[in-house]
N, C-alpha and C. Protein backbone atom coordinates (compact mmCIF):
# COMPACT_ATOMS: atom_id res chain seq x y z
N MET A 1 66.13 -21.76 61.51
CA MET A 1 66.73 -20.46 61.28
C MET A 1 68.25 -20.63 61.41
N ASN A 2 68.97 -20.28 60.35
CA ASN A 2 70.43 -20.43 60.41
C ASN A 2 71.08 -19.25 61.10
N LYS A 3 72.39 -19.34 61.26
CA LYS A 3 73.13 -18.34 62.02
C LYS A 3 73.05 -16.94 61.41
N GLU A 4 73.08 -16.86 60.10
CA GLU A 4 73.01 -15.56 59.41
C GLU A 4 71.64 -14.90 59.62
N ASP A 5 70.59 -15.70 59.54
CA ASP A 5 69.24 -15.16 59.77
C ASP A 5 69.08 -14.66 61.20
N LYS A 6 69.63 -15.43 62.16
CA LYS A 6 69.56 -15.01 63.55
C LYS A 6 70.31 -13.70 63.77
N LYS A 7 71.46 -13.59 63.15
CA LYS A 7 72.27 -12.38 63.29
C LYS A 7 71.53 -11.18 62.71
N LEU A 8 70.92 -11.37 61.54
CA LEU A 8 70.15 -10.30 60.90
C LEU A 8 68.94 -9.91 61.75
N ASN A 9 68.21 -10.91 62.26
CA ASN A 9 67.06 -10.63 63.12
C ASN A 9 67.48 -9.90 64.39
N LEU A 10 68.60 -10.30 64.97
CA LEU A 10 69.09 -9.66 66.19
C LEU A 10 69.42 -8.20 65.93
N GLU A 11 70.06 -7.90 64.82
CA GLU A 11 70.39 -6.51 64.48
C GLU A 11 69.12 -5.68 64.28
N GLN A 12 68.14 -6.26 63.59
CA GLN A 12 66.88 -5.54 63.37
C GLN A 12 66.17 -5.27 64.70
N LEU A 13 66.17 -6.27 65.59
CA LEU A 13 65.54 -6.09 66.90
C LEU A 13 66.26 -5.03 67.73
N LYS A 14 67.58 -5.02 67.68
CA LYS A 14 68.34 -4.01 68.43
C LYS A 14 67.97 -2.61 67.98
N VAL A 15 67.82 -2.42 66.66
CA VAL A 15 67.43 -1.11 66.13
C VAL A 15 66.02 -0.75 66.58
N LEU A 16 65.11 -1.72 66.52
CA LEU A 16 63.72 -1.46 66.93
C LEU A 16 63.65 -1.10 68.41
N PHE A 17 64.36 -1.84 69.26
CA PHE A 17 64.35 -1.54 70.70
C PHE A 17 65.00 -0.19 70.99
N ALA A 18 66.07 0.14 70.28
CA ALA A 18 66.77 1.41 70.53
C ALA A 18 65.94 2.61 70.09
N ASP A 19 65.20 2.47 68.99
CA ASP A 19 64.44 3.60 68.45
C ASP A 19 63.05 3.77 69.07
N ALA A 20 62.55 2.76 69.76
CA ALA A 20 61.18 2.80 70.28
C ALA A 20 61.07 3.71 71.50
N GLU A 21 60.01 4.51 71.52
CA GLU A 21 59.70 5.34 72.69
C GLU A 21 59.09 4.49 73.79
N ALA A 22 58.36 3.45 73.40
CA ALA A 22 57.75 2.51 74.34
C ALA A 22 57.66 1.16 73.65
N VAL A 23 57.64 0.10 74.46
CA VAL A 23 57.50 -1.25 73.93
C VAL A 23 56.49 -1.98 74.81
N PHE A 24 55.57 -2.70 74.17
CA PHE A 24 54.58 -3.50 74.89
C PHE A 24 54.76 -4.95 74.51
N LEU A 25 54.64 -5.84 75.49
CA LEU A 25 54.77 -7.28 75.29
C LEU A 25 53.39 -7.90 75.38
N THR A 26 53.04 -8.73 74.40
CA THR A 26 51.71 -9.34 74.36
C THR A 26 51.81 -10.84 74.14
N HIS A 27 50.75 -11.54 74.51
CA HIS A 27 50.60 -12.96 74.19
C HIS A 27 49.47 -13.07 73.17
N TYR A 28 49.72 -13.84 72.14
CA TYR A 28 48.77 -13.92 71.03
C TYR A 28 48.31 -15.34 70.73
N ARG A 29 48.65 -16.31 71.56
CA ARG A 29 48.36 -17.71 71.27
C ARG A 29 46.86 -17.91 71.04
N GLY A 30 46.52 -18.55 69.92
CA GLY A 30 45.13 -18.85 69.61
C GLY A 30 44.49 -17.87 68.63
N LEU A 31 45.18 -16.79 68.27
CA LEU A 31 44.61 -15.85 67.30
C LEU A 31 44.73 -16.40 65.89
N THR A 32 43.76 -16.10 65.06
CA THR A 32 43.80 -16.52 63.67
C THR A 32 44.67 -15.55 62.87
N VAL A 33 45.00 -15.93 61.66
CA VAL A 33 45.78 -15.06 60.79
C VAL A 33 45.01 -13.77 60.52
N LYS A 34 43.71 -13.88 60.33
CA LYS A 34 42.88 -12.70 60.09
C LYS A 34 42.95 -11.74 61.29
N GLN A 35 42.88 -12.27 62.49
CA GLN A 35 42.95 -11.43 63.69
C GLN A 35 44.33 -10.79 63.84
N MET A 36 45.38 -11.56 63.52
CA MET A 36 46.74 -11.00 63.59
C MET A 36 46.91 -9.86 62.58
N ASN A 37 46.37 -10.04 61.40
CA ASN A 37 46.45 -8.97 60.39
C ASN A 37 45.67 -7.74 60.84
N GLU A 38 44.53 -7.97 61.47
CA GLU A 38 43.73 -6.85 62.01
C GLU A 38 44.52 -6.11 63.09
N LEU A 39 45.20 -6.88 63.95
CA LEU A 39 46.03 -6.28 65.00
C LEU A 39 47.16 -5.46 64.40
N ARG A 40 47.83 -6.01 63.41
CA ARG A 40 48.94 -5.29 62.77
C ARG A 40 48.46 -3.99 62.12
N ARG A 41 47.30 -4.05 61.47
CA ARG A 41 46.74 -2.84 60.85
C ARG A 41 46.40 -1.79 61.90
N SER A 42 45.82 -2.21 63.02
CA SER A 42 45.48 -1.24 64.06
C SER A 42 46.74 -0.64 64.68
N MET A 43 47.80 -1.42 64.77
CA MET A 43 49.06 -0.89 65.30
C MET A 43 49.69 0.10 64.32
N ASP A 44 49.61 -0.19 63.03
CA ASP A 44 50.13 0.73 62.01
C ASP A 44 49.40 2.08 62.08
N LYS A 45 48.07 2.03 62.24
CA LYS A 45 47.28 3.27 62.33
C LYS A 45 47.65 4.07 63.57
N ALA A 46 48.00 3.38 64.66
CA ALA A 46 48.32 4.05 65.92
C ALA A 46 49.78 4.52 65.98
N GLY A 47 50.59 4.14 65.00
CA GLY A 47 51.99 4.57 64.97
C GLY A 47 52.93 3.59 65.65
N ALA A 48 52.66 2.30 65.47
CA ALA A 48 53.50 1.28 66.10
C ALA A 48 53.70 0.12 65.13
N LYS A 49 54.67 -0.73 65.45
CA LYS A 49 54.92 -1.94 64.66
C LYS A 49 54.73 -3.14 65.57
N TYR A 50 54.01 -4.15 65.07
CA TYR A 50 53.82 -5.39 65.81
C TYR A 50 54.76 -6.43 65.22
N ARG A 51 55.54 -7.05 66.07
CA ARG A 51 56.55 -7.98 65.60
C ARG A 51 56.57 -9.21 66.49
N VAL A 52 56.65 -10.38 65.90
CA VAL A 52 56.82 -11.63 66.63
C VAL A 52 58.26 -12.05 66.44
N ALA A 53 58.95 -12.32 67.55
CA ALA A 53 60.36 -12.70 67.49
C ALA A 53 60.65 -13.74 68.56
N LYS A 54 61.75 -14.44 68.37
CA LYS A 54 62.17 -15.43 69.37
C LYS A 54 62.54 -14.69 70.66
N ASN A 55 62.11 -15.25 71.78
CA ASN A 55 62.36 -14.61 73.07
C ASN A 55 63.84 -14.49 73.38
N SER A 56 64.62 -15.51 73.01
CA SER A 56 66.06 -15.45 73.30
C SER A 56 66.72 -14.30 72.55
N LEU A 57 66.35 -14.11 71.29
CA LEU A 57 66.89 -12.98 70.51
C LEU A 57 66.40 -11.65 71.08
N SER A 58 65.14 -11.61 71.48
CA SER A 58 64.57 -10.37 72.04
C SER A 58 65.28 -9.98 73.33
N ARG A 59 65.54 -10.98 74.19
CA ARG A 59 66.24 -10.69 75.45
C ARG A 59 67.63 -10.12 75.19
N ILE A 60 68.33 -10.69 74.24
CA ILE A 60 69.68 -10.21 73.90
C ILE A 60 69.60 -8.80 73.33
N ALA A 61 68.59 -8.53 72.50
CA ALA A 61 68.45 -7.23 71.85
C ALA A 61 68.11 -6.12 72.84
N THR A 62 67.50 -6.46 73.98
CA THR A 62 67.12 -5.43 74.94
C THR A 62 68.29 -4.92 75.76
N VAL A 63 69.37 -5.67 75.78
CA VAL A 63 70.53 -5.30 76.61
C VAL A 63 71.04 -3.92 76.19
N GLY A 64 71.15 -3.03 77.17
CA GLY A 64 71.65 -1.68 76.93
C GLY A 64 70.61 -0.70 76.41
N THR A 65 69.34 -1.09 76.40
CA THR A 65 68.28 -0.18 75.96
C THR A 65 67.34 0.10 77.12
N ASP A 66 66.41 1.03 76.91
CA ASP A 66 65.39 1.33 77.93
C ASP A 66 64.45 0.15 78.15
N SER A 67 64.41 -0.77 77.20
CA SER A 67 63.48 -1.90 77.26
C SER A 67 64.02 -3.09 78.03
N GLU A 68 65.17 -2.96 78.64
CA GLU A 68 65.80 -4.08 79.35
C GLU A 68 64.91 -4.67 80.46
N PRO A 69 64.12 -3.87 81.20
CA PRO A 69 63.26 -4.47 82.23
C PRO A 69 62.22 -5.44 81.67
N LEU A 70 61.95 -5.38 80.40
CA LEU A 70 60.95 -6.23 79.76
C LEU A 70 61.45 -7.66 79.55
N ALA A 71 62.77 -7.86 79.57
CA ALA A 71 63.36 -9.16 79.26
C ALA A 71 62.88 -10.25 80.22
N ALA A 72 62.64 -9.92 81.47
CA ALA A 72 62.21 -10.91 82.45
C ALA A 72 60.83 -11.48 82.14
N ASP A 73 60.00 -10.73 81.42
CA ASP A 73 58.63 -11.16 81.11
C ASP A 73 58.52 -11.94 79.80
N MET A 74 59.61 -12.08 79.08
CA MET A 74 59.57 -12.74 77.77
C MET A 74 59.58 -14.26 77.93
N ARG A 75 58.36 -14.83 77.95
CA ARG A 75 58.17 -16.28 78.05
C ARG A 75 57.01 -16.65 77.14
N GLY A 76 57.11 -17.80 76.54
CA GLY A 76 56.04 -18.28 75.68
C GLY A 76 55.97 -17.50 74.38
N PRO A 77 54.98 -17.80 73.55
CA PRO A 77 54.84 -17.06 72.29
C PRO A 77 54.44 -15.62 72.57
N ALA A 78 55.34 -14.72 72.29
CA ALA A 78 55.12 -13.32 72.63
C ALA A 78 55.27 -12.44 71.40
N GLY A 79 54.44 -11.41 71.35
CA GLY A 79 54.53 -10.40 70.30
C GLY A 79 54.97 -9.10 70.92
N LEU A 80 55.75 -8.34 70.18
CA LEU A 80 56.28 -7.07 70.66
C LEU A 80 55.67 -5.93 69.86
N VAL A 81 55.27 -4.88 70.56
CA VAL A 81 54.73 -3.68 69.92
C VAL A 81 55.74 -2.56 70.14
N PHE A 82 56.34 -2.09 69.06
CA PHE A 82 57.34 -1.02 69.12
C PHE A 82 56.66 0.29 68.77
N VAL A 83 56.62 1.22 69.72
CA VAL A 83 55.89 2.47 69.56
C VAL A 83 56.86 3.56 69.13
N SER A 84 56.53 4.21 68.01
CA SER A 84 57.34 5.34 67.55
C SER A 84 56.59 6.66 67.69
N GLY A 85 55.31 6.60 68.00
CA GLY A 85 54.50 7.81 68.12
C GLY A 85 53.99 8.00 69.53
N ASP A 86 52.69 8.16 69.65
CA ASP A 86 52.02 8.43 70.92
C ASP A 86 51.75 7.11 71.65
N PRO A 87 52.42 6.87 72.79
CA PRO A 87 52.21 5.62 73.52
C PRO A 87 50.77 5.44 74.01
N ALA A 88 50.09 6.53 74.35
CA ALA A 88 48.71 6.43 74.83
C ALA A 88 47.78 5.94 73.73
N ALA A 89 47.98 6.40 72.51
CA ALA A 89 47.14 5.96 71.39
C ALA A 89 47.35 4.48 71.11
N VAL A 90 48.60 4.03 71.19
CA VAL A 90 48.89 2.61 70.95
C VAL A 90 48.30 1.77 72.08
N ALA A 91 48.40 2.23 73.31
CA ALA A 91 47.82 1.50 74.44
C ALA A 91 46.31 1.40 74.29
N LYS A 92 45.66 2.46 73.80
CA LYS A 92 44.21 2.43 73.56
C LYS A 92 43.87 1.37 72.52
N ALA A 93 44.64 1.33 71.43
CA ALA A 93 44.39 0.35 70.37
C ALA A 93 44.61 -1.07 70.88
N LEU A 94 45.65 -1.28 71.69
CA LEU A 94 45.92 -2.61 72.24
C LEU A 94 44.80 -3.05 73.18
N CYS A 95 44.38 -2.17 74.06
CA CYS A 95 43.32 -2.52 75.02
C CYS A 95 42.00 -2.78 74.29
N ALA A 96 41.71 -2.01 73.27
CA ALA A 96 40.49 -2.23 72.49
C ALA A 96 40.54 -3.59 71.80
N PHE A 97 41.70 -3.95 71.25
CA PHE A 97 41.84 -5.25 70.59
C PHE A 97 41.73 -6.38 71.62
N ALA A 98 42.31 -6.19 72.80
CA ALA A 98 42.26 -7.21 73.84
C ALA A 98 40.82 -7.44 74.33
N LYS A 99 40.00 -6.38 74.34
CA LYS A 99 38.61 -6.53 74.78
C LYS A 99 37.78 -7.34 73.79
N THR A 100 38.10 -7.20 72.50
CA THR A 100 37.33 -7.91 71.48
C THR A 100 37.87 -9.31 71.19
N ASN A 101 39.10 -9.60 71.62
CA ASN A 101 39.72 -10.91 71.37
C ASN A 101 40.24 -11.47 72.69
N ASP A 102 39.50 -12.42 73.24
CA ASP A 102 39.84 -12.92 74.57
C ASP A 102 41.11 -13.76 74.59
N LYS A 103 41.61 -14.20 73.46
CA LYS A 103 42.85 -15.00 73.42
C LYS A 103 44.09 -14.10 73.38
N PHE A 104 43.91 -12.82 73.23
CA PHE A 104 45.00 -11.85 73.19
C PHE A 104 45.12 -11.18 74.56
N SER A 105 46.36 -11.04 75.04
CA SER A 105 46.54 -10.38 76.33
C SER A 105 47.79 -9.52 76.32
N ILE A 106 47.73 -8.45 77.09
CA ILE A 106 48.87 -7.56 77.26
C ILE A 106 49.61 -8.03 78.51
N VAL A 107 50.90 -8.32 78.38
CA VAL A 107 51.67 -8.87 79.50
C VAL A 107 52.33 -7.75 80.29
N ALA A 108 53.04 -6.87 79.60
CA ALA A 108 53.78 -5.80 80.27
C ALA A 108 54.18 -4.77 79.22
N GLY A 109 54.85 -3.74 79.67
CA GLY A 109 55.35 -2.71 78.77
C GLY A 109 56.49 -1.97 79.40
N VAL A 110 57.14 -1.16 78.59
CA VAL A 110 58.22 -0.31 79.07
C VAL A 110 58.01 1.07 78.45
N LEU A 111 58.06 2.10 79.29
CA LEU A 111 57.93 3.48 78.83
C LEU A 111 58.95 4.31 79.59
N GLY A 112 59.88 4.90 78.87
CA GLY A 112 60.90 5.72 79.50
C GLY A 112 61.81 4.93 80.44
N GLY A 113 62.04 3.67 80.13
CA GLY A 113 62.91 2.85 80.96
C GLY A 113 62.24 2.24 82.17
N LYS A 114 60.95 2.53 82.38
CA LYS A 114 60.22 1.98 83.51
C LYS A 114 59.28 0.88 83.03
N ARG A 115 59.25 -0.22 83.78
CA ARG A 115 58.38 -1.34 83.45
C ARG A 115 56.94 -0.98 83.79
N LEU A 116 56.04 -1.33 82.89
CA LEU A 116 54.60 -1.10 83.10
C LEU A 116 53.90 -2.45 83.23
N SER A 117 53.05 -2.58 84.23
CA SER A 117 52.25 -3.79 84.36
C SER A 117 51.05 -3.69 83.41
N THR A 118 50.26 -4.74 83.37
CA THR A 118 49.05 -4.73 82.54
C THR A 118 48.11 -3.60 82.98
N GLN A 119 47.99 -3.40 84.29
CA GLN A 119 47.13 -2.34 84.81
C GLN A 119 47.66 -0.96 84.42
N ASP A 120 48.99 -0.82 84.42
CA ASP A 120 49.60 0.46 84.01
C ASP A 120 49.30 0.76 82.54
N VAL A 121 49.36 -0.27 81.71
CA VAL A 121 49.07 -0.09 80.28
C VAL A 121 47.61 0.31 80.10
N GLU A 122 46.71 -0.32 80.88
CA GLU A 122 45.29 0.05 80.80
C GLU A 122 45.08 1.48 81.27
N ALA A 123 45.78 1.90 82.31
CA ALA A 123 45.67 3.28 82.79
C ALA A 123 46.20 4.25 81.74
N LEU A 124 47.29 3.87 81.07
CA LEU A 124 47.85 4.70 80.00
C LEU A 124 46.86 4.84 78.85
N SER A 125 46.10 3.78 78.60
CA SER A 125 45.13 3.83 77.50
C SER A 125 43.98 4.78 77.79
N LYS A 126 43.75 5.07 79.07
CA LYS A 126 42.64 5.97 79.43
C LYS A 126 43.05 7.43 79.43
N LEU A 127 44.34 7.71 79.26
CA LEU A 127 44.79 9.09 79.17
C LEU A 127 44.37 9.69 77.84
N PRO A 128 44.16 11.01 77.79
CA PRO A 128 43.87 11.64 76.50
C PRO A 128 45.08 11.54 75.58
N GLY A 129 44.84 11.62 74.29
CA GLY A 129 45.92 11.55 73.31
C GLY A 129 46.82 12.77 73.36
N ARG A 130 47.92 12.70 72.68
CA ARG A 130 48.92 13.77 72.68
C ARG A 130 48.33 15.09 72.18
N ASP A 131 47.60 15.04 71.07
CA ASP A 131 47.01 16.27 70.52
C ASP A 131 46.00 16.89 71.48
N GLN A 132 45.19 16.05 72.11
CA GLN A 132 44.20 16.56 73.06
C GLN A 132 44.90 17.18 74.28
N MET A 133 45.97 16.55 74.74
CA MET A 133 46.70 17.10 75.89
C MET A 133 47.36 18.43 75.53
N LEU A 134 47.89 18.54 74.32
CA LEU A 134 48.48 19.81 73.89
C LEU A 134 47.42 20.90 73.82
N GLY A 135 46.23 20.55 73.34
CA GLY A 135 45.12 21.51 73.30
C GLY A 135 44.72 21.97 74.70
N MET A 136 44.69 21.03 75.64
CA MET A 136 44.37 21.39 77.02
C MET A 136 45.44 22.31 77.60
N LEU A 137 46.70 22.04 77.28
CA LEU A 137 47.80 22.87 77.77
C LEU A 137 47.70 24.29 77.22
N VAL A 138 47.39 24.42 75.94
CA VAL A 138 47.24 25.74 75.34
C VAL A 138 46.08 26.49 76.00
N GLY A 139 44.99 25.79 76.28
CA GLY A 139 43.85 26.43 76.96
C GLY A 139 44.21 26.93 78.34
N VAL A 140 44.98 26.13 79.07
CA VAL A 140 45.40 26.53 80.41
C VAL A 140 46.34 27.73 80.35
N MET A 141 47.23 27.73 79.37
CA MET A 141 48.17 28.85 79.23
C MET A 141 47.47 30.12 78.76
N GLN A 142 46.43 29.97 78.00
CA GLN A 142 45.72 31.11 77.43
C GLN A 142 44.77 31.76 78.44
N ALA A 143 44.29 31.03 79.42
CA ALA A 143 43.29 31.54 80.36
C ALA A 143 43.75 32.79 81.12
N PRO A 144 44.93 32.86 81.71
CA PRO A 144 45.32 34.09 82.42
C PRO A 144 45.40 35.31 81.51
N ILE A 145 45.86 35.11 80.29
CA ILE A 145 45.96 36.23 79.34
C ILE A 145 44.56 36.72 79.00
N ARG A 146 43.64 35.78 78.75
CA ARG A 146 42.26 36.15 78.40
C ARG A 146 41.61 36.91 79.57
N ASP A 147 41.83 36.44 80.80
CA ASP A 147 41.26 37.11 81.97
C ASP A 147 41.85 38.51 82.15
N PHE A 148 43.15 38.66 81.91
CA PHE A 148 43.81 39.95 82.03
C PHE A 148 43.25 40.94 81.01
N VAL A 149 43.04 40.49 79.79
CA VAL A 149 42.46 41.35 78.75
C VAL A 149 41.04 41.74 79.15
N GLY A 150 40.29 40.82 79.75
CA GLY A 150 38.94 41.13 80.21
C GLY A 150 38.93 42.21 81.28
N VAL A 151 39.89 42.15 82.21
CA VAL A 151 39.99 43.16 83.27
C VAL A 151 40.35 44.52 82.67
N LEU A 152 41.30 44.53 81.73
CA LEU A 152 41.70 45.79 81.09
C LEU A 152 40.54 46.41 80.30
N ALA A 153 39.74 45.59 79.67
CA ALA A 153 38.62 46.09 78.88
C ALA A 153 37.48 46.57 79.79
N ALA A 154 37.43 46.08 81.01
CA ALA A 154 36.34 46.44 81.93
C ALA A 154 36.44 47.90 82.38
N VAL A 155 37.65 48.43 82.50
CA VAL A 155 37.82 49.81 82.97
C VAL A 155 37.17 50.81 82.01
N PRO A 156 37.52 50.84 80.72
CA PRO A 156 36.84 51.80 79.84
C PRO A 156 35.33 51.53 79.71
N ARG A 157 34.95 50.25 79.76
CA ARG A 157 33.53 49.91 79.66
C ARG A 157 32.76 50.49 80.85
N SER A 158 33.34 50.38 82.06
CA SER A 158 32.63 50.92 83.22
C SER A 158 32.58 52.44 83.18
N VAL A 159 33.60 53.11 82.63
CA VAL A 159 33.56 54.57 82.50
C VAL A 159 32.43 54.97 81.55
N VAL A 160 32.29 54.25 80.46
CA VAL A 160 31.22 54.53 79.50
C VAL A 160 29.86 54.29 80.15
N GLN A 161 29.73 53.24 80.94
CA GLN A 161 28.46 52.94 81.60
C GLN A 161 28.11 54.02 82.63
N VAL A 162 29.11 54.52 83.36
CA VAL A 162 28.87 55.60 84.33
C VAL A 162 28.42 56.86 83.61
N LEU A 163 29.10 57.21 82.49
CA LEU A 163 28.71 58.40 81.72
C LEU A 163 27.30 58.25 81.16
N ALA A 164 26.96 57.06 80.70
CA ALA A 164 25.61 56.81 80.17
C ALA A 164 24.59 56.95 81.30
N ALA A 165 24.90 56.50 82.49
CA ALA A 165 23.96 56.62 83.63
C ALA A 165 23.78 58.08 84.01
N ILE A 166 24.86 58.88 83.98
CA ILE A 166 24.76 60.32 84.29
C ILE A 166 23.89 61.00 83.25
N GLU A 167 24.08 60.66 82.00
CA GLU A 167 23.30 61.25 80.92
C GLU A 167 21.82 60.93 81.09
N GLU A 168 21.50 59.67 81.42
CA GLU A 168 20.12 59.25 81.65
C GLU A 168 19.50 60.03 82.82
N LYS A 169 20.31 60.23 83.87
CA LYS A 169 19.82 60.95 85.05
C LYS A 169 19.52 62.40 84.71
N LYS A 170 20.39 63.04 83.90
CA LYS A 170 20.19 64.45 83.55
C LYS A 170 18.98 64.60 82.62
N LYS A 171 18.76 63.61 81.74
CA LYS A 171 17.60 63.67 80.86
C LYS A 171 16.30 63.52 81.67
N ALA A 172 16.34 62.71 82.69
CA ALA A 172 15.15 62.50 83.52
C ALA A 172 14.87 63.70 84.39
N ALA A 173 15.90 64.46 84.76
CA ALA A 173 15.71 65.60 85.67
C ALA A 173 15.37 66.85 84.95
């Protein structure tokens, strides 16, 4: 790789690190081309990009970004997952791929400037997705309003029930 290619790769990596909401570091040694393509497709579906880059360039590109804590873990052949969408969905896809391919491993991650261990990434993968969490939030916000409407509707309903009971009593008497 000549100097111009390195410079171009470094600029591209800087943009990817700066724009990513989360970044995951993986080891892929021993995967076939077919498995790598499968991984890339699953990352595309989840809203992420999988990229293999030189560790020295990656370390330089992380300087001044939220992904800087990840630089210490960049050793050996490493792949980077740049998340632009829902980090939980990408973590689910990564963990699912790691379970089916024993040569693939998740090393670490960064979310919001905080370093995530492998266990943290697995815990993130078990969280509900963004859409599901928004639905749960709407349900929680809607519950007090629904209960209040139920209480307001109970007053006229009970008046009608009392009047119906009085009517029944007078008919029986």
